[in-house]
Amino acid sequence: MIPLVENPGTVFVPKARLYVLNEAREVLAGPLVVARRRAYHREWLLGFDGVTSRAAVEGWRDQLVAVEESGAGSREPDAPC
């Protein structure tokens, strides 16, 4: 697995709005608002506002995550992370 951002800790910050994308870059879910995060070995564990069950997000495993461009106010994702 190759990270697509050099420092994910600057992307996965509380209140960041994320989108889940498939390989064709179609939006599967979002916007999801990061409520909490922590580094775990070489991965990041994320909690989202309003999501109380791991089962609710398990289907998004191994998908891409995109963020909105800061300051743009767009509801469409810009680039995968």
N, C-alpha and C. Protein backbone atom coordinates (compact mmCIF):
# COMPACT_ATOMS: atom_id res chain seq x y z
N MET A 1 0.84 -1.17 0.00
CA MET A 1 0.00 0.00 0.00
C MET A 1 0.89 1.24 0.00
N ILE A 2 0.59 2.17 -0.89
CA ILE A 2 1.37 3.39 -1.02
C ILE A 2 0.49 4.57 -0.62
N PRO A 3 0.90 5.36 0.37
CA PRO A 3 0.08 6.52 0.74
C PRO A 3 0.08 7.56 -0.37
N LEU A 4 -1.05 8.22 -0.57
CA LEU A 4 -1.17 9.23 -1.61
C LEU A 4 -0.97 10.65 -1.07
N VAL A 5 -0.80 10.78 0.21
CA VAL A 5 -0.45 12.06 0.83
C VAL A 5 0.75 11.82 1.73
N GLU A 6 1.62 12.79 1.80
CA GLU A 6 2.84 12.64 2.58
C GLU A 6 2.56 12.64 4.08
N ASN A 7 1.61 13.46 4.53
CA ASN A 7 1.31 13.55 5.95
C ASN A 7 -0.20 13.46 6.18
N PRO A 8 -0.76 12.25 6.29
CA PRO A 8 -2.20 12.10 6.46
C PRO A 8 -2.73 12.80 7.71
N GLY A 9 -1.88 13.00 8.71
CA GLY A 9 -2.32 13.67 9.93
C GLY A 9 -2.77 15.09 9.69
N THR A 10 -2.33 15.70 8.61
CA THR A 10 -2.78 17.05 8.28
C THR A 10 -4.07 17.04 7.47
N VAL A 11 -4.45 15.88 6.96
CA VAL A 11 -5.68 15.74 6.17
C VAL A 11 -6.82 15.25 7.05
N PHE A 12 -6.55 14.22 7.86
CA PHE A 12 -7.58 13.61 8.70
C PHE A 12 -7.68 14.34 10.03
N VAL A 13 -8.13 15.58 9.97
CA VAL A 13 -8.26 16.40 11.17
C VAL A 13 -9.73 16.48 11.56
N PRO A 14 -10.02 16.67 12.84
CA PRO A 14 -11.43 16.82 13.24
C PRO A 14 -12.12 17.92 12.44
N LYS A 15 -13.35 17.62 12.06
CA LYS A 15 -14.22 18.50 11.26
C LYS A 15 -13.91 18.49 9.76
N ALA A 16 -12.89 17.74 9.32
CA ALA A 16 -12.62 17.60 7.89
C ALA A 16 -13.79 16.85 7.25
N ARG A 17 -14.15 17.26 6.04
CA ARG A 17 -15.24 16.62 5.30
C ARG A 17 -14.62 15.68 4.28
N LEU A 18 -14.93 14.39 4.41
CA LEU A 18 -14.35 13.36 3.55
C LEU A 18 -15.43 12.71 2.69
N TYR A 19 -15.01 12.18 1.55
CA TYR A 19 -15.87 11.42 0.65
C TYR A 19 -15.21 10.07 0.41
N VAL A 20 -16.00 9.04 0.29
CA VAL A 20 -15.51 7.71 -0.07
C VAL A 20 -15.74 7.53 -1.56
N LEU A 21 -14.66 7.15 -2.28
CA LEU A 21 -14.73 6.98 -3.73
C LEU A 21 -14.35 5.57 -4.12
N ASN A 22 -14.88 5.10 -5.24
CA ASN A 22 -14.43 3.83 -5.79
C ASN A 22 -13.27 4.09 -6.75
N GLU A 23 -12.77 3.04 -7.40
CA GLU A 23 -11.63 3.20 -8.29
C GLU A 23 -11.93 4.10 -9.49
N ALA A 24 -13.18 4.19 -9.87
CA ALA A 24 -13.58 5.07 -10.98
C ALA A 24 -13.80 6.50 -10.49
N ARG A 25 -13.50 6.73 -9.22
CA ARG A 25 -13.64 8.04 -8.55
C ARG A 25 -15.08 8.51 -8.49
N GLU A 26 -16.00 7.56 -8.39
CA GLU A 26 -17.40 7.87 -8.17
C GLU A 26 -17.63 7.93 -6.67
N VAL A 27 -18.41 8.91 -6.22
CA VAL A 27 -18.66 9.08 -4.79
C VAL A 27 -19.59 7.97 -4.31
N LEU A 28 -19.13 7.22 -3.31
CA LEU A 28 -19.93 6.16 -2.70
C LEU A 28 -20.63 6.66 -1.44
N ALA A 29 -19.99 7.60 -0.74
CA ALA A 29 -20.55 8.13 0.51
C ALA A 29 -19.93 9.48 0.81
N GLY A 30 -20.66 10.28 1.55
CA GLY A 30 -20.13 11.55 2.00
C GLY A 30 -21.09 12.68 1.71
N PRO A 31 -20.81 13.82 2.27
CA PRO A 31 -19.62 14.08 3.06
C PRO A 31 -19.72 13.47 4.45
N LEU A 32 -18.61 12.94 4.91
CA LEU A 32 -18.47 12.42 6.27
C LEU A 32 -17.59 13.39 7.03
N VAL A 33 -18.00 13.76 8.22
CA VAL A 33 -17.25 14.72 9.02
C VAL A 33 -16.44 13.96 10.08
N VAL A 34 -15.12 14.17 10.05
CA VAL A 34 -14.23 13.49 11.00
C VAL A 34 -14.51 14.00 12.41
N ALA A 35 -14.83 13.08 13.32
CA ALA A 35 -15.06 13.43 14.72
C ALA A 35 -13.80 13.16 15.54
N ARG A 36 -13.11 12.08 15.21
CA ARG A 36 -11.87 11.72 15.92
C ARG A 36 -11.00 10.90 14.99
N ARG A 37 -9.71 10.85 15.33
CA ARG A 37 -8.77 10.08 14.51
C ARG A 37 -7.58 9.70 15.38
N ARG A 38 -6.91 8.63 14.96
CA ARG A 38 -5.65 8.26 15.59
C ARG A 38 -4.84 7.39 14.64
N ALA A 39 -3.54 7.57 14.72
CA ALA A 39 -2.64 6.75 13.92
C ALA A 39 -2.56 5.37 14.55
N TYR A 40 -2.52 4.35 13.71
CA TYR A 40 -2.41 2.96 14.17
C TYR A 40 -1.44 2.27 13.23
N HIS A 41 -0.22 2.07 13.69
CA HIS A 41 0.86 1.54 12.87
C HIS A 41 1.02 2.43 11.63
N ARG A 42 0.77 1.91 10.45
CA ARG A 42 0.91 2.71 9.21
C ARG A 42 -0.44 3.13 8.64
N GLU A 43 -1.49 3.02 9.44
CA GLU A 43 -2.84 3.36 9.00
C GLU A 43 -3.44 4.40 9.93
N TRP A 44 -4.61 4.88 9.57
CA TRP A 44 -5.35 5.83 10.40
C TRP A 44 -6.71 5.25 10.72
N LEU A 45 -7.11 5.34 11.97
CA LEU A 45 -8.45 4.96 12.40
C LEU A 45 -9.25 6.24 12.55
N LEU A 46 -10.41 6.28 11.90
CA LEU A 46 -11.23 7.49 11.86
C LEU A 46 -12.61 7.22 12.44
N GLY A 47 -13.13 8.19 13.16
CA GLY A 47 -14.52 8.17 13.62
C GLY A 47 -15.24 9.34 12.99
N PHE A 48 -16.49 9.13 12.60
CA PHE A 48 -17.24 10.17 11.90
C PHE A 48 -18.46 10.59 12.71
N ASP A 49 -18.81 11.87 12.61
CA ASP A 49 -20.03 12.37 13.25
C ASP A 49 -21.23 11.55 12.78
N GLY A 50 -22.06 11.11 13.71
CA GLY A 50 -23.29 10.39 13.38
C GLY A 50 -23.11 8.92 13.05
N VAL A 51 -21.89 8.42 13.00
CA VAL A 51 -21.65 7.00 12.72
C VAL A 51 -21.26 6.33 14.03
N THR A 52 -22.11 5.43 14.50
CA THR A 52 -21.89 4.82 15.81
C THR A 52 -21.49 3.35 15.74
N SER A 53 -21.43 2.81 14.54
CA SER A 53 -21.14 1.39 14.38
C SER A 53 -20.06 1.16 13.33
N ARG A 54 -19.12 0.32 13.64
CA ARG A 54 -18.10 -0.04 12.65
C ARG A 54 -18.75 -0.74 11.45
N ALA A 55 -19.79 -1.50 11.70
CA ALA A 55 -20.49 -2.22 10.63
C ALA A 55 -21.02 -1.25 9.58
N ALA A 56 -21.38 -0.03 9.99
CA ALA A 56 -21.93 0.95 9.06
C ALA A 56 -20.91 1.39 8.02
N VAL A 57 -19.63 1.31 8.34
CA VAL A 57 -18.59 1.78 7.41
C VAL A 57 -17.74 0.65 6.85
N GLU A 58 -17.96 -0.56 7.29
CA GLU A 58 -17.13 -1.69 6.86
C GLU A 58 -17.14 -1.88 5.35
N GLY A 59 -18.22 -1.57 4.68
CA GLY A 59 -18.32 -1.71 3.23
C GLY A 59 -17.41 -0.77 2.47
N TRP A 60 -16.87 0.24 3.14
CA TRP A 60 -15.99 1.20 2.49
C TRP A 60 -14.53 0.82 2.61
N ARG A 61 -14.23 -0.30 3.23
CA ARG A 61 -12.85 -0.74 3.39
C ARG A 61 -12.18 -0.85 2.01
N ASP A 62 -10.92 -0.45 1.94
CA ASP A 62 -10.11 -0.52 0.72
C ASP A 62 -10.60 0.40 -0.40
N GLN A 63 -11.37 1.41 -0.06
CA GLN A 63 -11.79 2.41 -1.05
C GLN A 63 -10.91 3.65 -0.89
N LEU A 64 -11.02 4.55 -1.82
CA LEU A 64 -10.28 5.82 -1.75
C LEU A 64 -11.04 6.81 -0.89
N VAL A 65 -10.30 7.74 -0.29
CA VAL A 65 -10.91 8.81 0.49
C VAL A 65 -10.47 10.13 -0.13
N ALA A 66 -11.43 11.03 -0.34
CA ALA A 66 -11.13 12.34 -0.91
C ALA A 66 -11.57 13.42 0.07
N VAL A 67 -10.96 14.58 -0.03
CA VAL A 67 -11.33 15.72 0.81
C VAL A 67 -11.72 16.88 -0.08
N GLU A 68 -12.51 17.79 0.49
CA GLU A 68 -12.83 19.01 -0.23
C GLU A 68 -11.63 19.93 -0.20
N GLU A 69 -11.44 20.68 -1.26
CA GLU A 69 -10.37 21.66 -1.29
C GLU A 69 -10.68 22.74 -0.26
N SER A 70 -9.73 23.05 0.60
CA SER A 70 -9.98 24.03 1.66
C SER A 70 -10.30 25.39 1.06
N GLY A 71 -11.36 25.97 1.62
CA GLY A 71 -11.75 27.31 1.19
C GLY A 71 -12.60 27.34 -0.07
N ALA A 72 -12.79 26.21 -0.73
CA ALA A 72 -13.54 26.23 -1.98
C ALA A 72 -15.04 26.21 -1.76
N GLY A 73 -15.48 25.55 -0.68
CA GLY A 73 -16.90 25.47 -0.39
C GLY A 73 -17.64 24.52 -1.31
N SER A 74 -16.93 23.77 -2.13
CA SER A 74 -17.54 22.83 -3.06
C SER A 74 -18.07 21.62 -2.31
N ARG A 75 -19.12 20.99 -2.83
CA ARG A 75 -19.64 19.77 -2.24
C ARG A 75 -19.12 18.56 -2.98
N GLU A 76 -18.33 18.74 -4.02
CA GLU A 76 -17.75 17.63 -4.77
C GLU A 76 -16.31 17.43 -4.31
N PRO A 77 -15.84 16.18 -4.26
CA PRO A 77 -14.48 15.92 -3.83
C PRO A 77 -13.46 16.36 -4.88
N ASP A 78 -12.25 16.70 -4.42
CA ASP A 78 -11.20 17.16 -5.31
C ASP A 78 -10.23 16.06 -5.68
N ALA A 79 -9.58 15.48 -4.69
CA ALA A 79 -8.53 14.52 -4.98
C ALA A 79 -8.50 13.44 -3.92
N PRO A 80 -8.20 12.22 -4.33
CA PRO A 80 -8.11 11.15 -3.34
C PRO A 80 -6.91 11.33 -2.44
N CYS A 81 -7.04 10.80 -1.23
CA CYS A 81 -5.95 10.85 -0.25
C CYS A 81 -5.52 9.46 0.10
